[in-house]
ModelCIF file with pLDDT and N, C-alpha, C, O atoms, coordinates in Angstrom:
data_MODEL
#
_entry.id   MODEL 
#
_entity.id                         1 
_entity.type                       polymer 
_entity.pdbx_number_of_molecules   1 
#
_entity_poly.entity_id                      1 
_entity_poly.type                           'polypeptide(L)' 
_entity_poly.nstd_linkage                   no 
_entity_poly.nstd_monomer                   no 
_entity_poly.pdbx_seq_one_letter_code       
;(UNK)(UNK)(UNK)(UNK)(UNK)(UNK)(UNK)(UNK)(UNK)(UNK)(UNK)(UNK)(UNK)(UNK)(UNK)(UNK)
(UNK)(UNK)(UNK)(UNK)(UNK)(UNK)(UNK)(UNK)(UNK)(UNK)(UNK)(UNK)(UNK)(UNK)(UNK)(UNK)
(UNK)(UNK)(UNK)(UNK)(UNK)(UNK)
;
_entity_poly.pdbx_seq_one_letter_code_can   XXXXXXXXXXXXXXXXXXXXXXXXXXXXXXXXXXXXXX 
_entity_poly.pdbx_strand_id                 A 
#
loop_
_entity_poly_seq.entity_id 
_entity_poly_seq.num 
_entity_poly_seq.mon_id 
_entity_poly_seq.hetero 
1 1  UNK n 
1 2  UNK n 
1 3  UNK n 
1 4  UNK n 
1 5  UNK n 
1 6  UNK n 
1 7  UNK n 
1 8  UNK n 
1 9  UNK n 
1 10 UNK n 
1 11 UNK n 
1 12 UNK n 
1 13 UNK n 
1 14 UNK n 
1 15 UNK n 
1 16 UNK n 
1 17 UNK n 
1 18 UNK n 
1 19 UNK n 
1 20 UNK n 
1 21 UNK n 
1 22 UNK n 
1 23 UNK n 
1 24 UNK n 
1 25 UNK n 
1 26 UNK n 
1 27 UNK n 
1 28 UNK n 
1 29 UNK n 
1 30 UNK n 
1 31 UNK n 
1 32 UNK n 
1 33 UNK n 
1 34 UNK n 
1 35 UNK n 
1 36 UNK n 
1 37 UNK n 
1 38 UNK n 
#
_struct_asym.id          A 
_struct_asym.entity_id   1 
#
loop_
_ma_qa_metric.id 
_ma_qa_metric.mode 
_ma_qa_metric.name 
_ma_qa_metric.software_group_id 
_ma_qa_metric.type 
1 global pLDDT . pLDDT 
2 local  pLDDT . pLDDT 
#
_ma_qa_metric_global.metric_id      1 
_ma_qa_metric_global.metric_value   56.74 
_ma_qa_metric_global.model_id       1 
_ma_qa_metric_global.ordinal_id     1 
#
loop_
_ma_qa_metric_local.label_asym_id 
_ma_qa_metric_local.label_comp_id 
_ma_qa_metric_local.label_seq_id 
_ma_qa_metric_local.metric_id 
_ma_qa_metric_local.metric_value 
_ma_qa_metric_local.model_id 
_ma_qa_metric_local.ordinal_id 
A UNK 1  2 61.00 1 1  
A UNK 2  2 60.00 1 2  
A UNK 3  2 56.00 1 3  
A UNK 4  2 53.00 1 4  
A UNK 5  2 56.00 1 5  
A UNK 6  2 50.00 1 6  
A UNK 7  2 57.00 1 7  
A UNK 8  2 50.00 1 8  
A UNK 9  2 52.00 1 9  
A UNK 10 2 53.00 1 10 
A UNK 11 2 51.00 1 11 
A UNK 12 2 52.00 1 12 
A UNK 13 2 46.00 1 13 
A UNK 14 2 52.00 1 14 
A UNK 15 2 47.00 1 15 
A UNK 16 2 44.00 1 16 
A UNK 17 2 46.00 1 17 
A UNK 18 2 42.00 1 18 
A UNK 19 2 39.00 1 19 
A UNK 20 2 39.00 1 20 
A UNK 21 2 34.00 1 21 
A UNK 22 2 33.00 1 22 
A UNK 23 2 29.00 1 23 
A UNK 24 2 33.00 1 24 
A UNK 25 2 29.00 1 25 
A UNK 26 2 33.00 1 26 
A UNK 27 2 36.00 1 27 
A UNK 28 2 44.00 1 28 
A UNK 29 2 52.00 1 29 
A UNK 30 2 66.00 1 30 
A UNK 31 2 85.00 1 31 
A UNK 32 2 94.00 1 32 
A UNK 33 2 97.00 1 33 
A UNK 34 2 97.00 1 34 
A UNK 35 2 97.00 1 35 
A UNK 36 2 97.00 1 36 
A UNK 37 2 97.00 1 37 
A UNK 38 2 97.00 1 38 
#
loop_
_atom_site.group_PDB 
_atom_site.id 
_atom_site.type_symbol 
_atom_site.label_atom_id 
_atom_site.label_alt_id 
_atom_site.label_comp_id 
_atom_site.label_asym_id 
_atom_site.label_entity_id 
_atom_site.label_seq_id 
_atom_site.pdbx_PDB_ins_code 
_atom_site.Cartn_x 
_atom_site.Cartn_y 
_atom_site.Cartn_z 
_atom_site.occupancy 
_atom_site.B_iso_or_equiv 
_atom_site.pdbx_formal_charge 
_atom_site.auth_seq_id 
_atom_site.auth_comp_id 
_atom_site.auth_asym_id 
_atom_site.auth_atom_id 
_atom_site.pdbx_PDB_model_num 
ATOM 1   N N  . UNK A 1 1  ? -13.215 -29.699 -12.102 1.00 61.00 ? 1  UNK A N  1 
ATOM 2   C CA . UNK A 1 1  ? -13.909 -30.552 -13.091 1.00 61.00 ? 1  UNK A CA 1 
ATOM 3   C C  . UNK A 1 1  ? -15.296 -30.959 -12.595 1.00 61.00 ? 1  UNK A C  1 
ATOM 4   O O  . UNK A 1 1  ? -15.431 -31.477 -11.486 1.00 61.00 ? 1  UNK A O  1 
ATOM 5   N N  . UNK A 1 2  ? -16.335 -30.725 -13.416 1.00 60.00 ? 2  UNK A N  1 
ATOM 6   C CA . UNK A 1 2  ? -17.696 -31.088 -13.056 1.00 60.00 ? 2  UNK A CA 1 
ATOM 7   C C  . UNK A 1 2  ? -18.349 -30.129 -12.103 1.00 60.00 ? 2  UNK A C  1 
ATOM 8   O O  . UNK A 1 2  ? -19.486 -30.353 -11.687 1.00 60.00 ? 2  UNK A O  1 
ATOM 9   N N  . UNK A 1 3  ? -17.671 -29.073 -11.745 1.00 56.00 ? 3  UNK A N  1 
ATOM 10  C CA . UNK A 1 3  ? -18.208 -28.146 -10.760 1.00 56.00 ? 3  UNK A CA 1 
ATOM 11  C C  . UNK A 1 3  ? -19.294 -27.253 -11.330 1.00 56.00 ? 3  UNK A C  1 
ATOM 12  O O  . UNK A 1 3  ? -20.206 -26.859 -10.603 1.00 56.00 ? 3  UNK A O  1 
ATOM 13  N N  . UNK A 1 4  ? -19.218 -26.921 -12.622 1.00 53.00 ? 4  UNK A N  1 
ATOM 14  C CA . UNK A 1 4  ? -20.200 -26.030 -13.219 1.00 53.00 ? 4  UNK A CA 1 
ATOM 15  C C  . UNK A 1 4  ? -20.174 -26.229 -14.739 1.00 53.00 ? 4  UNK A C  1 
ATOM 16  O O  . UNK A 1 4  ? -19.118 -26.382 -15.354 1.00 53.00 ? 4  UNK A O  1 
ATOM 17  N N  . UNK A 1 5  ? -21.355 -26.219 -15.304 1.00 56.00 ? 5  UNK A N  1 
ATOM 18  C CA . UNK A 1 5  ? -21.470 -26.400 -16.754 1.00 56.00 ? 5  UNK A CA 1 
ATOM 19  C C  . UNK A 1 5  ? -21.697 -25.027 -17.394 1.00 56.00 ? 5  UNK A C  1 
ATOM 20  O O  . UNK A 1 5  ? -22.764 -24.436 -17.226 1.00 56.00 ? 5  UNK A O  1 
ATOM 21  N N  . UNK A 1 6  ? -20.729 -24.534 -18.104 1.00 50.00 ? 6  UNK A N  1 
ATOM 22  C CA . UNK A 1 6  ? -20.813 -23.219 -18.720 1.00 50.00 ? 6  UNK A CA 1 
ATOM 23  C C  . UNK A 1 6  ? -21.142 -23.387 -20.199 1.00 50.00 ? 6  UNK A C  1 
ATOM 24  O O  . UNK A 1 6  ? -20.347 -23.942 -20.957 1.00 50.00 ? 6  UNK A O  1 
ATOM 25  N N  . UNK A 1 7  ? -22.326 -22.903 -20.609 1.00 57.00 ? 7  UNK A N  1 
ATOM 26  C CA . UNK A 1 7  ? -22.739 -22.983 -22.018 1.00 57.00 ? 7  UNK A CA 1 
ATOM 27  C C  . UNK A 1 7  ? -22.298 -21.742 -22.788 1.00 57.00 ? 7  UNK A C  1 
ATOM 28  O O  . UNK A 1 7  ? -21.934 -21.816 -23.961 1.00 57.00 ? 7  UNK A O  1 
ATOM 29  N N  . UNK A 1 8  ? -22.340 -20.605 -22.103 1.00 50.00 ? 8  UNK A N  1 
ATOM 30  C CA . UNK A 1 8  ? -21.953 -19.359 -22.745 1.00 50.00 ? 8  UNK A CA 1 
ATOM 31  C C  . UNK A 1 8  ? -20.786 -18.769 -21.963 1.00 50.00 ? 8  UNK A C  1 
ATOM 32  O O  . UNK A 1 8  ? -20.896 -18.574 -20.753 1.00 50.00 ? 8  UNK A O  1 
ATOM 33  N N  . UNK A 1 9  ? -19.710 -18.490 -22.607 1.00 52.00 ? 9  UNK A N  1 
ATOM 34  C CA . UNK A 1 9  ? -18.503 -18.005 -21.953 1.00 52.00 ? 9  UNK A CA 1 
ATOM 35  C C  . UNK A 1 9  ? -18.123 -16.662 -22.556 1.00 52.00 ? 9  UNK A C  1 
ATOM 36  O O  . UNK A 1 9  ? -17.831 -16.565 -23.748 1.00 52.00 ? 9  UNK A O  1 
ATOM 37  N N  . UNK A 1 10 ? -18.129 -15.636 -21.730 1.00 53.00 ? 10 UNK A N  1 
ATOM 38  C CA . UNK A 1 10 ? -17.779 -14.280 -22.192 1.00 53.00 ? 10 UNK A CA 1 
ATOM 39  C C  . UNK A 1 10 ? -17.078 -13.554 -21.052 1.00 53.00 ? 10 UNK A C  1 
ATOM 40  O O  . UNK A 1 10 ? -17.729 -12.939 -20.208 1.00 53.00 ? 10 UNK A O  1 
ATOM 41  N N  . UNK A 1 11 ? -15.746 -13.627 -21.026 1.00 51.00 ? 11 UNK A N  1 
ATOM 42  C CA . UNK A 1 11 ? -14.972 -13.007 -19.947 1.00 51.00 ? 11 UNK A CA 1 
ATOM 43  C C  . UNK A 1 11 ? -14.730 -11.545 -20.267 1.00 51.00 ? 11 UNK A C  1 
ATOM 44  O O  . UNK A 1 11 ? -14.216 -11.212 -21.335 1.00 51.00 ? 11 UNK A O  1 
ATOM 45  N N  . UNK A 1 12 ? -15.103 -10.669 -19.339 1.00 52.00 ? 12 UNK A N  1 
ATOM 46  C CA . UNK A 1 12 ? -14.900 -9.229  -19.515 1.00 52.00 ? 12 UNK A CA 1 
ATOM 47  C C  . UNK A 1 12 ? -14.118 -8.676  -18.326 1.00 52.00 ? 12 UNK A C  1 
ATOM 48  O O  . UNK A 1 12 ? -14.405 -8.989  -17.171 1.00 52.00 ? 12 UNK A O  1 
ATOM 49  N N  . UNK A 1 13 ? -13.137 -7.857  -18.634 1.00 46.00 ? 13 UNK A N  1 
ATOM 50  C CA . UNK A 1 13 ? -12.356 -7.203  -17.566 1.00 46.00 ? 13 UNK A CA 1 
ATOM 51  C C  . UNK A 1 13 ? -13.213 -6.132  -16.915 1.00 46.00 ? 13 UNK A C  1 
ATOM 52  O O  . UNK A 1 13 ? -13.788 -5.285  -17.598 1.00 46.00 ? 13 UNK A O  1 
ATOM 53  N N  . UNK A 1 14 ? -13.295 -6.174  -15.589 1.00 52.00 ? 14 UNK A N  1 
ATOM 54  C CA . UNK A 1 14 ? -14.119 -5.203  -14.879 1.00 52.00 ? 14 UNK A CA 1 
ATOM 55  C C  . UNK A 1 14 ? -13.253 -4.087  -14.298 1.00 52.00 ? 14 UNK A C  1 
ATOM 56  O O  . UNK A 1 14 ? -13.335 -2.943  -14.747 1.00 52.00 ? 14 UNK A O  1 
ATOM 57  N N  . UNK A 1 15 ? -12.428 -4.410  -13.307 1.00 47.00 ? 15 UNK A N  1 
ATOM 58  C CA . UNK A 1 15 ? -11.596 -3.386  -12.700 1.00 47.00 ? 15 UNK A CA 1 
ATOM 59  C C  . UNK A 1 15 ? -10.503 -4.038  -11.850 1.00 47.00 ? 15 UNK A C  1 
ATOM 60  O O  . UNK A 1 15 ? -10.557 -5.232  -11.555 1.00 47.00 ? 15 UNK A O  1 
ATOM 61  N N  . UNK A 1 16 ? -9.518  -3.236  -11.465 1.00 44.00 ? 16 UNK A N  1 
ATOM 62  C CA . UNK A 1 16 ? -8.445  -3.666  -10.572 1.00 44.00 ? 16 UNK A CA 1 
ATOM 63  C C  . UNK A 1 16 ? -8.522  -2.844  -9.292  1.00 44.00 ? 16 UNK A C  1 
ATOM 64  O O  . UNK A 1 16 ? -8.622  -1.618  -9.334  1.00 44.00 ? 16 UNK A O  1 
ATOM 65  N N  . UNK A 1 17 ? -8.474  -3.531  -8.154  1.00 46.00 ? 17 UNK A N  1 
ATOM 66  C CA . UNK A 1 17 ? -8.520  -2.841  -6.866  1.00 46.00 ? 17 UNK A CA 1 
ATOM 67  C C  . UNK A 1 17 ? -7.112  -2.690  -6.309  1.00 46.00 ? 17 UNK A C  1 
ATOM 68  O O  . UNK A 1 17 ? -6.384  -3.677  -6.200  1.00 46.00 ? 17 UNK A O  1 
ATOM 69  N N  . UNK A 1 18 ? -6.717  -1.471  -5.954  1.00 42.00 ? 18 UNK A N  1 
ATOM 70  C CA . UNK A 1 18 ? -5.418  -1.191  -5.358  1.00 42.00 ? 18 UNK A CA 1 
ATOM 71  C C  . UNK A 1 18 ? -5.612  -0.600  -3.967  1.00 42.00 ? 18 UNK A C  1 
ATOM 72  O O  . UNK A 1 18 ? -6.433  0.296   -3.768  1.00 42.00 ? 18 UNK A O  1 
ATOM 73  N N  . UNK A 1 19 ? -4.843  -1.115  -3.006  1.00 39.00 ? 19 UNK A N  1 
ATOM 74  C CA . UNK A 1 19 ? -4.870  -0.588  -1.638  1.00 39.00 ? 19 UNK A CA 1 
ATOM 75  C C  . UNK A 1 19 ? -3.541  0.099   -1.360  1.00 39.00 ? 19 UNK A C  1 
ATOM 76  O O  . UNK A 1 19 ? -2.482  -0.512  -1.508  1.00 39.00 ? 19 UNK A O  1 
ATOM 77  N N  . UNK A 1 20 ? -3.590  1.353   -0.963  1.00 39.00 ? 20 UNK A N  1 
ATOM 78  C CA . UNK A 1 20 ? -2.382  2.128   -0.707  1.00 39.00 ? 20 UNK A CA 1 
ATOM 79  C C  . UNK A 1 20 ? -2.349  2.565   0.758   1.00 39.00 ? 20 UNK A C  1 
ATOM 80  O O  . UNK A 1 20 ? -3.345  3.030   1.311   1.00 39.00 ? 20 UNK A O  1 
ATOM 81  N N  . UNK A 1 21 ? -1.169  2.402   1.372   1.00 34.00 ? 21 UNK A N  1 
ATOM 82  C CA . UNK A 1 21 ? -0.971  2.818   2.757   1.00 34.00 ? 21 UNK A CA 1 
ATOM 83  C C  . UNK A 1 21 ? 0.107   3.871   2.805   1.00 34.00 ? 21 UNK A C  1 
ATOM 84  O O  . UNK A 1 21 ? 1.194   3.662   2.267   1.00 34.00 ? 21 UNK A O  1 
ATOM 85  N N  . UNK A 1 22 ? -0.165  5.000   3.436   1.00 33.00 ? 22 UNK A N  1 
ATOM 86  C CA . UNK A 1 22 ? 0.801   6.079   3.534   1.00 33.00 ? 22 UNK A CA 1 
ATOM 87  C C  . UNK A 1 22 ? 1.850   5.741   4.587   1.00 33.00 ? 22 UNK A C  1 
ATOM 88  O O  . UNK A 1 22 ? 1.506   5.362   5.706   1.00 33.00 ? 22 UNK A O  1 
ATOM 89  N N  . UNK A 1 23 ? 3.136   5.876   4.231   1.00 29.00 ? 23 UNK A N  1 
ATOM 90  C CA . UNK A 1 23 ? 4.237   5.615   5.144   1.00 29.00 ? 23 UNK A CA 1 
ATOM 91  C C  . UNK A 1 23 ? 4.708   6.945   5.707   1.00 29.00 ? 23 UNK A C  1 
ATOM 92  O O  . UNK A 1 23 ? 5.188   7.810   4.975   1.00 29.00 ? 23 UNK A O  1 
ATOM 93  N N  . UNK A 1 24 ? 4.565   7.094   7.025   1.00 33.00 ? 24 UNK A N  1 
ATOM 94  C CA . UNK A 1 24 ? 4.970   8.331   7.664   1.00 33.00 ? 24 UNK A CA 1 
ATOM 95  C C  . UNK A 1 24 ? 6.490   8.353   7.826   1.00 33.00 ? 24 UNK A C  1 
ATOM 96  O O  . UNK A 1 24 ? 7.083   7.358   8.244   1.00 33.00 ? 24 UNK A O  1 
ATOM 97  N N  . UNK A 1 25 ? 7.113   9.463   7.501   1.00 29.00 ? 25 UNK A N  1 
ATOM 98  C CA . UNK A 1 25 ? 8.550   9.613   7.672   1.00 29.00 ? 25 UNK A CA 1 
ATOM 99  C C  . UNK A 1 25 ? 8.821   10.720  8.675   1.00 29.00 ? 25 UNK A C  1 
ATOM 100 O O  . UNK A 1 25 ? 8.126   11.735  8.717   1.00 29.00 ? 25 UNK A O  1 
ATOM 101 N N  . UNK A 1 26 ? 9.873   10.493  9.497   1.00 33.00 ? 26 UNK A N  1 
ATOM 102 C CA . UNK A 1 26 ? 10.215  11.503  10.502  1.00 33.00 ? 26 UNK A CA 1 
ATOM 103 C C  . UNK A 1 26 ? 11.028  12.612  9.854   1.00 33.00 ? 26 UNK A C  1 
ATOM 104 O O  . UNK A 1 26 ? 11.780  12.384  8.906   1.00 33.00 ? 26 UNK A O  1 
ATOM 105 N N  . UNK A 1 27 ? 10.864  13.794  10.375  1.00 36.00 ? 27 UNK A N  1 
ATOM 106 C CA . UNK A 1 27 ? 11.569  14.923  9.803   1.00 36.00 ? 27 UNK A CA 1 
ATOM 107 C C  . UNK A 1 27 ? 13.032  14.972  10.221  1.00 36.00 ? 27 UNK A C  1 
ATOM 108 O O  . UNK A 1 27 ? 13.849  15.629  9.576   1.00 36.00 ? 27 UNK A O  1 
ATOM 109 N N  . UNK A 1 28 ? 13.367  14.253  11.334  1.00 44.00 ? 28 UNK A N  1 
ATOM 110 C CA . UNK A 1 28 ? 14.751  14.211  11.787  1.00 44.00 ? 28 UNK A CA 1 
ATOM 111 C C  . UNK A 1 28 ? 15.115  15.428  12.615  1.00 44.00 ? 28 UNK A C  1 
ATOM 112 O O  . UNK A 1 28 ? 14.471  16.474  12.532  1.00 44.00 ? 28 UNK A O  1 
ATOM 113 N N  . UNK A 1 29 ? 16.172  15.270  13.423  1.00 52.00 ? 29 UNK A N  1 
ATOM 114 C CA . UNK A 1 29 ? 16.604  16.365  14.266  1.00 52.00 ? 29 UNK A CA 1 
ATOM 115 C C  . UNK A 1 29 ? 17.733  17.147  13.617  1.00 52.00 ? 29 UNK A C  1 
ATOM 116 O O  . UNK A 1 29 ? 18.260  16.765  12.573  1.00 52.00 ? 29 UNK A O  1 
ATOM 117 N N  . UNK A 1 30 ? 18.086  18.237  14.253  1.00 66.00 ? 30 UNK A N  1 
ATOM 118 C CA . UNK A 1 30 ? 19.128  19.087  13.698  1.00 66.00 ? 30 UNK A CA 1 
ATOM 119 C C  . UNK A 1 30 ? 20.517  18.620  14.115  1.00 66.00 ? 30 UNK A C  1 
ATOM 120 O O  . UNK A 1 30 ? 21.514  19.064  13.546  1.00 66.00 ? 30 UNK A O  1 
ATOM 121 N N  . UNK A 1 31 ? 20.595  17.733  15.096  1.00 85.00 ? 31 UNK A N  1 
ATOM 122 C CA . UNK A 1 31 ? 21.887  17.223  15.524  1.00 85.00 ? 31 UNK A CA 1 
ATOM 123 C C  . UNK A 1 31 ? 22.625  18.205  16.424  1.00 85.00 ? 31 UNK A C  1 
ATOM 124 O O  . UNK A 1 31 ? 22.048  19.173  16.919  1.00 85.00 ? 31 UNK A O  1 
ATOM 125 N N  . UNK A 1 32 ? 23.925  17.933  16.628  1.00 94.00 ? 32 UNK A N  1 
ATOM 126 C CA . UNK A 1 32 ? 24.730  18.796  17.481  1.00 94.00 ? 32 UNK A CA 1 
ATOM 127 C C  . UNK A 1 32 ? 24.672  18.400  18.943  1.00 94.00 ? 32 UNK A C  1 
ATOM 128 O O  . UNK A 1 32 ? 24.179  17.327  19.290  1.00 94.00 ? 32 UNK A O  1 
ATOM 129 N N  . UNK A 1 33 ? 25.184  19.280  19.799  1.00 97.00 ? 33 UNK A N  1 
ATOM 130 C CA . UNK A 1 33 ? 25.282  19.020  21.231  1.00 97.00 ? 33 UNK A CA 1 
ATOM 131 C C  . UNK A 1 33 ? 24.696  20.179  22.025  1.00 97.00 ? 33 UNK A C  1 
ATOM 132 O O  . UNK A 1 33 ? 25.002  21.340  21.757  1.00 97.00 ? 33 UNK A O  1 
ATOM 133 N N  . UNK A 1 34 ? 23.862  19.863  22.995  1.00 97.00 ? 34 UNK A N  1 
ATOM 134 C CA . UNK A 1 34 ? 23.281  20.876  23.868  1.00 97.00 ? 34 UNK A CA 1 
ATOM 135 C C  . UNK A 1 34 ? 24.204  21.085  25.064  1.00 97.00 ? 34 UNK A C  1 
ATOM 136 O O  . UNK A 1 34 ? 24.369  20.185  25.888  1.00 97.00 ? 34 UNK A O  1 
ATOM 137 N N  . UNK A 1 35 ? 24.800  22.258  25.160  1.00 97.00 ? 35 UNK A N  1 
ATOM 138 C CA . UNK A 1 35 ? 25.787  22.555  26.199  1.00 97.00 ? 35 UNK A CA 1 
ATOM 139 C C  . UNK A 1 35 ? 25.203  23.556  27.194  1.00 97.00 ? 35 UNK A C  1 
ATOM 140 O O  . UNK A 1 35 ? 24.604  24.555  26.797  1.00 97.00 ? 35 UNK A O  1 
ATOM 141 N N  . UNK A 1 36 ? 25.383  23.282  28.501  1.00 97.00 ? 36 UNK A N  1 
ATOM 142 C CA . UNK A 1 36 ? 24.839  24.191  29.506  1.00 97.00 ? 36 UNK A CA 1 
ATOM 143 C C  . UNK A 1 36 ? 25.777  25.366  29.764  1.00 97.00 ? 36 UNK A C  1 
ATOM 144 O O  . UNK A 1 36 ? 26.824  25.487  29.129  1.00 97.00 ? 36 UNK A O  1 
ATOM 145 N N  . UNK A 1 37 ? 25.393  26.225  30.695  1.00 97.00 ? 37 UNK A N  1 
ATOM 146 C CA . UNK A 1 37 ? 26.156  27.443  30.957  1.00 97.00 ? 37 UNK A CA 1 
ATOM 147 C C  . UNK A 1 37 ? 27.529  27.171  31.557  1.00 97.00 ? 37 UNK A C  1 
ATOM 148 O O  . UNK A 1 37 ? 28.398  28.042  31.527  1.00 97.00 ? 37 UNK A O  1 
ATOM 149 N N  . UNK A 1 38 ? 27.736  25.967  32.105  1.00 97.00 ? 38 UNK A N  1 
ATOM 150 C CA . UNK A 1 38 ? 29.036  25.599  32.663  1.00 97.00 ? 38 UNK A CA 1 
ATOM 151 C C  . UNK A 1 38 ? 29.934  24.906  31.646  1.00 97.00 ? 38 UNK A C  1 
ATOM 152 O O  . UNK A 1 38 ? 31.063  24.536  31.971  1.00 97.00 ? 38 UNK A O  1 
#
């Protein structure tokens, strides 16, 4: 209140800003058991 005196009021939509972050996913292993020659 009292901060600014607006005589002409005309609100116009300009744009929307979106920030996107890429989430890295691991490919995963094949599983199983590694068994030696013995």
